[in-house]
């Protein structure tokens, strides 16, 4: 049970990172490093993380369809972590 939640959490973190990377790859004309640096300077890194979290939604529903409830819970935890990171980045 606990191992399944950790696997789901890792799936959620990876999906969020992959979604953020894909957003930068398709919609930015600069390199990954320059885009991240610019987004930190302009205080929009949270927006990129939020857009990357869209893939968590896909992972969540795929896991539910496969009846992997504990892994789906891990994905939800990863999404909550992303929300906390966004919240902290907006106030600091």
N, C-alpha and C. Protein backbone atom coordinates (compact mmCIF):
# COMPACT_ATOMS: atom_id res chain seq x y z
N UNK A 1 0.83 -1.19 0.00
CA UNK A 1 0.00 0.00 0.00
C UNK A 1 0.88 1.26 0.00
N UNK A 2 1.78 1.40 0.95
CA UNK A 2 2.64 2.58 1.02
C UNK A 2 3.57 2.67 -0.18
N UNK A 3 4.05 1.50 -0.63
CA UNK A 3 4.92 1.47 -1.80
C UNK A 3 4.18 1.93 -3.05
N UNK A 4 2.93 1.56 -3.16
CA UNK A 4 2.12 1.96 -4.31
C UNK A 4 1.88 3.47 -4.33
N UNK A 5 1.69 4.07 -3.18
CA UNK A 5 1.51 5.52 -3.10
C UNK A 5 2.80 6.23 -3.51
N UNK A 6 3.94 5.70 -3.08
CA UNK A 6 5.22 6.29 -3.46
C UNK A 6 5.43 6.18 -4.97
N UNK A 7 5.09 5.04 -5.55
CA UNK A 7 5.19 4.88 -7.01
C UNK A 7 4.30 5.89 -7.71
N UNK A 8 3.08 6.05 -7.23
CA UNK A 8 2.17 7.03 -7.81
C UNK A 8 2.69 8.45 -7.66
N UNK A 9 3.29 8.74 -6.51
CA UNK A 9 3.88 10.06 -6.29
C UNK A 9 4.99 10.33 -7.30
N UNK A 10 5.85 9.34 -7.51
CA UNK A 10 6.93 9.48 -8.49
C UNK A 10 6.38 9.64 -9.91
N UNK A 11 5.32 8.92 -10.22
CA UNK A 11 4.67 9.08 -11.52
C UNK A 11 4.15 10.51 -11.67
N UNK A 12 3.54 11.03 -10.61
CA UNK A 12 3.01 12.39 -10.65
C UNK A 12 4.10 13.44 -10.80
N UNK A 13 5.20 13.27 -10.08
CA UNK A 13 6.31 14.22 -10.19
C UNK A 13 6.90 14.17 -11.60
N UNK A 14 7.11 12.95 -12.11
CA UNK A 14 7.65 12.81 -13.46
C UNK A 14 6.70 13.40 -14.50
N UNK A 15 5.40 13.15 -14.35
CA UNK A 15 4.43 13.70 -15.31
C UNK A 15 4.44 15.22 -15.27
N UNK A 16 4.57 15.79 -14.08
CA UNK A 16 4.61 17.25 -13.96
C UNK A 16 5.87 17.81 -14.61
N UNK A 17 7.00 17.19 -14.37
CA UNK A 17 8.25 17.64 -15.00
C UNK A 17 8.18 17.49 -16.52
N UNK A 18 7.63 16.37 -16.98
CA UNK A 18 7.52 16.15 -18.42
C UNK A 18 6.57 17.17 -19.05
N UNK A 19 5.46 17.46 -18.37
CA UNK A 19 4.52 18.45 -18.89
C UNK A 19 5.12 19.84 -18.95
N UNK A 20 5.88 20.19 -17.93
CA UNK A 20 6.56 21.50 -17.93
C UNK A 20 7.58 21.57 -19.05
N UNK A 21 8.33 20.49 -19.23
CA UNK A 21 9.33 20.45 -20.30
C UNK A 21 8.66 20.56 -21.67
N UNK A 22 7.59 19.82 -21.86
CA UNK A 22 6.90 19.87 -23.15
C UNK A 22 6.33 21.26 -23.43
N UNK A 23 5.81 21.91 -22.41
CA UNK A 23 5.31 23.26 -22.59
C UNK A 23 6.44 24.19 -23.04
N UNK A 24 7.57 24.11 -22.36
CA UNK A 24 8.71 24.96 -22.72
C UNK A 24 9.21 24.61 -24.12
N UNK A 25 9.27 23.33 -24.44
CA UNK A 25 9.78 22.90 -25.74
C UNK A 25 8.92 23.42 -26.89
N UNK A 26 7.60 23.35 -26.74
CA UNK A 26 6.71 23.74 -27.83
C UNK A 26 6.41 25.23 -27.88
N UNK A 27 6.44 25.92 -26.76
CA UNK A 27 5.98 27.30 -26.75
C UNK A 27 7.06 28.34 -26.46
N UNK A 28 8.29 27.91 -26.27
CA UNK A 28 9.37 28.86 -26.03
C UNK A 28 10.39 28.78 -27.15
N UNK A 29 10.87 29.94 -27.55
CA UNK A 29 11.87 29.98 -28.61
C UNK A 29 13.29 29.89 -28.05
N UNK A 30 13.42 30.00 -26.74
CA UNK A 30 14.73 29.96 -26.08
C UNK A 30 15.03 28.54 -25.60
N UNK A 31 16.25 28.35 -25.09
CA UNK A 31 16.62 27.06 -24.53
C UNK A 31 15.90 26.84 -23.19
N UNK A 32 15.98 25.63 -22.71
CA UNK A 32 15.34 25.28 -21.44
C UNK A 32 15.89 26.14 -20.30
N UNK A 33 17.21 26.26 -20.24
CA UNK A 33 17.84 27.03 -19.16
C UNK A 33 17.45 28.50 -19.22
N UNK A 34 17.48 29.09 -20.41
CA UNK A 34 17.12 30.50 -20.54
C UNK A 34 15.65 30.73 -20.20
N UNK A 35 14.80 29.81 -20.60
CA UNK A 35 13.38 29.96 -20.31
C UNK A 35 13.11 29.88 -18.81
N UNK A 36 13.77 28.94 -18.14
CA UNK A 36 13.58 28.82 -16.69
C UNK A 36 14.12 30.07 -15.99
N UNK A 37 15.28 30.54 -16.40
CA UNK A 37 15.85 31.75 -15.80
C UNK A 37 14.92 32.94 -16.01
N UNK A 38 14.40 33.09 -17.22
CA UNK A 38 13.49 34.19 -17.52
C UNK A 38 12.20 34.07 -16.72
N UNK A 39 11.69 32.85 -16.58
CA UNK A 39 10.44 32.67 -15.84
C UNK A 39 10.63 32.96 -14.35
N UNK A 40 11.81 32.69 -13.82
CA UNK A 40 12.10 33.04 -12.42
C UNK A 40 12.16 34.56 -12.28
N UNK A 41 12.85 35.22 -13.22
CA UNK A 41 12.96 36.68 -13.16
C UNK A 41 11.60 37.36 -13.30
N UNK A 42 10.74 36.83 -14.15
CA UNK A 42 9.43 37.44 -14.40
C UNK A 42 8.35 36.90 -13.46
N UNK A 43 8.72 36.01 -12.55
CA UNK A 43 7.81 35.43 -11.56
C UNK A 43 6.64 34.68 -12.22
N UNK A 44 6.95 33.89 -13.24
CA UNK A 44 5.93 33.08 -13.90
C UNK A 44 6.26 31.58 -13.86
N UNK A 45 7.25 31.21 -13.05
CA UNK A 45 7.61 29.80 -12.95
C UNK A 45 6.44 28.97 -12.44
N UNK A 46 5.66 29.51 -11.54
CA UNK A 46 4.48 28.81 -11.03
C UNK A 46 3.48 28.50 -12.12
N UNK A 47 3.36 29.40 -13.08
CA UNK A 47 2.44 29.16 -14.19
C UNK A 47 2.91 27.99 -15.04
N UNK A 48 4.21 27.89 -15.25
CA UNK A 48 4.74 26.77 -16.03
C UNK A 48 4.55 25.46 -15.28
N UNK A 49 4.75 25.48 -13.97
CA UNK A 49 4.53 24.27 -13.16
C UNK A 49 3.06 23.87 -13.22
N UNK A 50 2.17 24.85 -13.15
CA UNK A 50 0.74 24.55 -13.19
C UNK A 50 0.35 23.95 -14.54
N UNK A 51 0.89 24.48 -15.62
CA UNK A 51 0.60 23.91 -16.94
C UNK A 51 1.18 22.51 -17.08
N UNK A 52 2.32 22.28 -16.46
CA UNK A 52 2.91 20.94 -16.48
C UNK A 52 2.08 19.93 -15.71
N UNK A 53 1.34 20.40 -14.73
CA UNK A 53 0.53 19.50 -13.90
C UNK A 53 -0.68 18.95 -14.66
N UNK A 54 -0.93 19.45 -15.84
CA UNK A 54 -2.04 18.91 -16.64
C UNK A 54 -1.82 17.44 -16.95
N UNK A 55 -0.56 17.05 -17.14
CA UNK A 55 -0.28 15.63 -17.39
C UNK A 55 -0.61 14.77 -16.18
N UNK A 56 -0.60 15.36 -14.98
CA UNK A 56 -1.00 14.59 -13.79
C UNK A 56 -2.46 14.15 -13.91
N UNK A 57 -3.26 14.98 -14.52
CA UNK A 57 -4.66 14.63 -14.72
C UNK A 57 -4.78 13.38 -15.59
N UNK A 58 -3.99 13.35 -16.65
CA UNK A 58 -3.99 12.17 -17.53
C UNK A 58 -3.53 10.93 -16.77
N UNK A 59 -2.42 11.07 -16.04
CA UNK A 59 -1.90 9.94 -15.27
C UNK A 59 -2.92 9.46 -14.24
N UNK A 60 -3.58 10.39 -13.58
CA UNK A 60 -4.58 10.06 -12.57
C UNK A 60 -5.71 9.21 -13.16
N UNK A 61 -6.26 9.65 -14.28
CA UNK A 61 -7.38 8.92 -14.87
C UNK A 61 -6.95 7.58 -15.47
N UNK A 62 -5.74 7.51 -16.00
CA UNK A 62 -5.24 6.23 -16.50
C UNK A 62 -5.11 5.24 -15.34
N UNK A 63 -4.57 5.71 -14.21
CA UNK A 63 -4.44 4.82 -13.04
C UNK A 63 -5.79 4.41 -12.48
N UNK A 64 -6.75 5.33 -12.49
CA UNK A 64 -8.10 4.95 -12.03
C UNK A 64 -8.72 3.91 -12.95
N UNK A 65 -8.53 4.09 -14.25
CA UNK A 65 -9.09 3.14 -15.22
C UNK A 65 -8.49 1.74 -15.03
N UNK A 66 -7.20 1.69 -14.65
CA UNK A 66 -6.53 0.42 -14.41
C UNK A 66 -6.75 -0.10 -13.00
N UNK A 67 -7.59 0.60 -12.24
CA UNK A 67 -7.93 0.21 -10.86
C UNK A 67 -6.72 0.21 -9.94
N UNK A 68 -5.82 1.18 -10.12
CA UNK A 68 -4.64 1.35 -9.27
C UNK A 68 -4.91 2.55 -8.35
N UNK A 69 -5.76 2.34 -7.38
CA UNK A 69 -6.24 3.42 -6.53
C UNK A 69 -5.13 4.07 -5.71
N UNK A 70 -4.24 3.27 -5.15
CA UNK A 70 -3.18 3.83 -4.31
C UNK A 70 -2.18 4.62 -5.13
N UNK A 71 -1.89 4.17 -6.34
CA UNK A 71 -1.02 4.94 -7.21
C UNK A 71 -1.69 6.26 -7.60
N UNK A 72 -2.98 6.22 -7.84
CA UNK A 72 -3.71 7.45 -8.16
C UNK A 72 -3.64 8.42 -6.98
N UNK A 73 -3.68 7.90 -5.76
CA UNK A 73 -3.53 8.76 -4.58
C UNK A 73 -2.16 9.42 -4.56
N UNK A 74 -1.14 8.68 -4.97
CA UNK A 74 0.21 9.24 -5.04
C UNK A 74 0.29 10.37 -6.05
N UNK A 75 -0.40 10.23 -7.17
CA UNK A 75 -0.44 11.30 -8.17
C UNK A 75 -1.12 12.53 -7.59
N UNK A 76 -2.17 12.33 -6.83
CA UNK A 76 -2.85 13.45 -6.18
C UNK A 76 -1.89 14.14 -5.20
N UNK A 77 -1.12 13.36 -4.46
CA UNK A 77 -0.14 13.95 -3.54
C UNK A 77 0.91 14.78 -4.30
N UNK A 78 1.35 14.28 -5.44
CA UNK A 78 2.31 15.03 -6.26
C UNK A 78 1.69 16.33 -6.76
N UNK A 79 0.41 16.30 -7.08
CA UNK A 79 -0.27 17.50 -7.54
C UNK A 79 -0.41 18.50 -6.39
N UNK A 80 -0.68 18.02 -5.20
CA UNK A 80 -0.75 18.89 -4.03
C UNK A 80 0.62 19.52 -3.77
N UNK A 81 1.68 18.73 -3.91
CA UNK A 81 3.03 19.26 -3.75
C UNK A 81 3.30 20.36 -4.77
N UNK A 82 2.90 20.15 -6.02
CA UNK A 82 3.08 21.17 -7.05
C UNK A 82 2.31 22.44 -6.68
N UNK A 83 1.11 22.28 -6.16
CA UNK A 83 0.32 23.44 -5.74
C UNK A 83 1.01 24.20 -4.60
N UNK A 84 1.60 23.46 -3.67
CA UNK A 84 2.32 24.11 -2.57
C UNK A 84 3.55 24.85 -3.07
N UNK A 85 4.27 24.25 -4.02
CA UNK A 85 5.44 24.92 -4.61
C UNK A 85 5.01 26.21 -5.30
N UNK A 86 3.91 26.15 -6.03
CA UNK A 86 3.39 27.35 -6.71
C UNK A 86 3.00 28.41 -5.69
N UNK A 87 2.31 27.99 -4.65
CA UNK A 87 1.89 28.93 -3.61
C UNK A 87 3.08 29.60 -2.95
N UNK A 88 4.07 28.81 -2.61
CA UNK A 88 5.27 29.36 -1.95
C UNK A 88 6.01 30.30 -2.90
N UNK A 89 6.11 29.92 -4.18
CA UNK A 89 6.83 30.77 -5.13
C UNK A 89 6.11 32.10 -5.36
N UNK A 90 4.81 32.13 -5.21
CA UNK A 90 4.06 33.39 -5.40
C UNK A 90 4.24 34.35 -4.23
N UNK A 91 4.47 33.83 -3.04
CA UNK A 91 4.57 34.68 -1.87
C UNK A 91 6.01 35.00 -1.45
N UNK A 92 6.98 34.35 -2.07
CA UNK A 92 8.38 34.63 -1.71
C UNK A 92 9.10 35.33 -2.82
